[in-house]
């Protein structure tokens, strides 16, 4: 898992947490912490940081859809 974080493989991280561990909260918390620290620097976000924000939004929406279907 640490290798996935080191190479910004956010989709893979979400897939592993969601499908294998049935954990929807931890990856979102970690992505949010990553984005929060990036924003606090006041510098322009990198492509990886912007992409992780997009992944965060998609993951949140998927979680909402799954909870609505149950």
Protein backbone atom coordinates (compact mmCIF):
# COMPACT_ATOMS: atom_id res chain seq x y z
CA UNK A 1 0.00 0.00 0.00
CA UNK A 2 2.84 2.40 0.79
CA UNK A 3 4.16 1.91 -2.73
CA UNK A 4 0.79 3.00 -4.11
CA UNK A 5 0.87 6.16 -1.98
CA UNK A 6 4.48 6.86 -3.00
CA UNK A 7 3.51 6.76 -6.68
CA UNK A 8 0.15 8.56 -6.29
CA UNK A 9 -1.88 5.57 -7.44
CA UNK A 10 -5.06 6.88 -5.85
CA UNK A 11 -7.52 4.83 -7.88
CA UNK A 12 -5.72 1.66 -6.88
CA UNK A 13 -5.64 2.71 -3.24
CA UNK A 14 -9.38 3.37 -3.26
CA UNK A 15 -10.07 0.08 -5.01
CA UNK A 16 -8.06 -1.92 -2.47
CA UNK A 17 -9.59 -0.19 0.53
CA UNK A 18 -13.14 -0.33 -0.84
CA UNK A 19 -13.26 -3.78 -2.41
CA UNK A 20 -10.80 -5.78 -0.33
CA UNK A 21 -11.22 -4.17 3.07
CA UNK A 22 -14.72 -2.70 2.76
CA UNK A 23 -13.28 0.50 4.21
CA UNK A 24 -14.64 3.67 2.64
CA UNK A 25 -13.57 6.14 5.30
CA UNK A 26 -9.80 5.68 5.71
CA UNK A 27 -8.75 6.44 2.13
CA UNK A 28 -10.96 9.53 2.04
CA UNK A 29 -9.49 10.79 5.30
CA UNK A 30 -5.98 10.24 4.00
CA UNK A 31 -6.70 11.96 0.69
CA UNK A 32 -8.32 14.87 2.47
CA UNK A 33 -5.29 15.23 4.76
CA UNK A 34 -3.02 15.16 1.70
CA UNK A 35 -5.01 17.89 -0.03
CA UNK A 36 -5.32 19.97 3.11
CA UNK A 37 -1.58 20.04 3.69
CA UNK A 38 -1.00 20.92 0.03
CA UNK A 39 -3.46 23.82 0.16
CA UNK A 40 -1.96 25.18 3.40
CA UNK A 41 1.40 25.70 1.70
CA UNK A 42 -0.15 28.42 -0.46
CA UNK A 43 1.63 27.11 -3.54
CA UNK A 44 0.02 25.99 -6.75
CA UNK A 45 -1.16 22.39 -6.52
CA UNK A 46 0.64 19.77 -8.57
CA UNK A 47 -1.16 17.60 -11.09
CA UNK A 48 -1.08 14.70 -8.60
CA UNK A 49 -2.66 16.83 -5.89
CA UNK A 50 -5.39 18.08 -8.21
CA UNK A 51 -6.00 14.53 -9.43
CA UNK A 52 -6.27 13.26 -5.85
CA UNK A 53 -8.93 15.90 -5.23
CA UNK A 54 -10.87 14.58 -8.19
CA UNK A 55 -10.52 11.06 -6.88
CA UNK A 56 -11.75 12.25 -3.49
CA UNK A 57 -14.91 13.72 -5.03
CA UNK A 58 -15.59 10.63 -7.14
CA UNK A 59 -15.04 8.32 -4.17
CA UNK A 60 -17.40 10.39 -2.04
CA UNK A 61 -20.07 10.24 -4.74
CA UNK A 62 -19.65 6.48 -5.17
CA UNK A 63 -19.97 5.98 -1.43
CA UNK A 64 -23.20 7.98 -1.42
CA UNK A 65 -24.58 5.96 -4.33
CA UNK A 66 -23.72 2.68 -2.64
CA UNK A 67 -25.34 3.73 0.63
CA UNK A 68 -28.49 4.80 -1.23
CA UNK A 69 -28.77 1.39 -2.93
CA UNK A 70 -28.63 -0.59 0.34
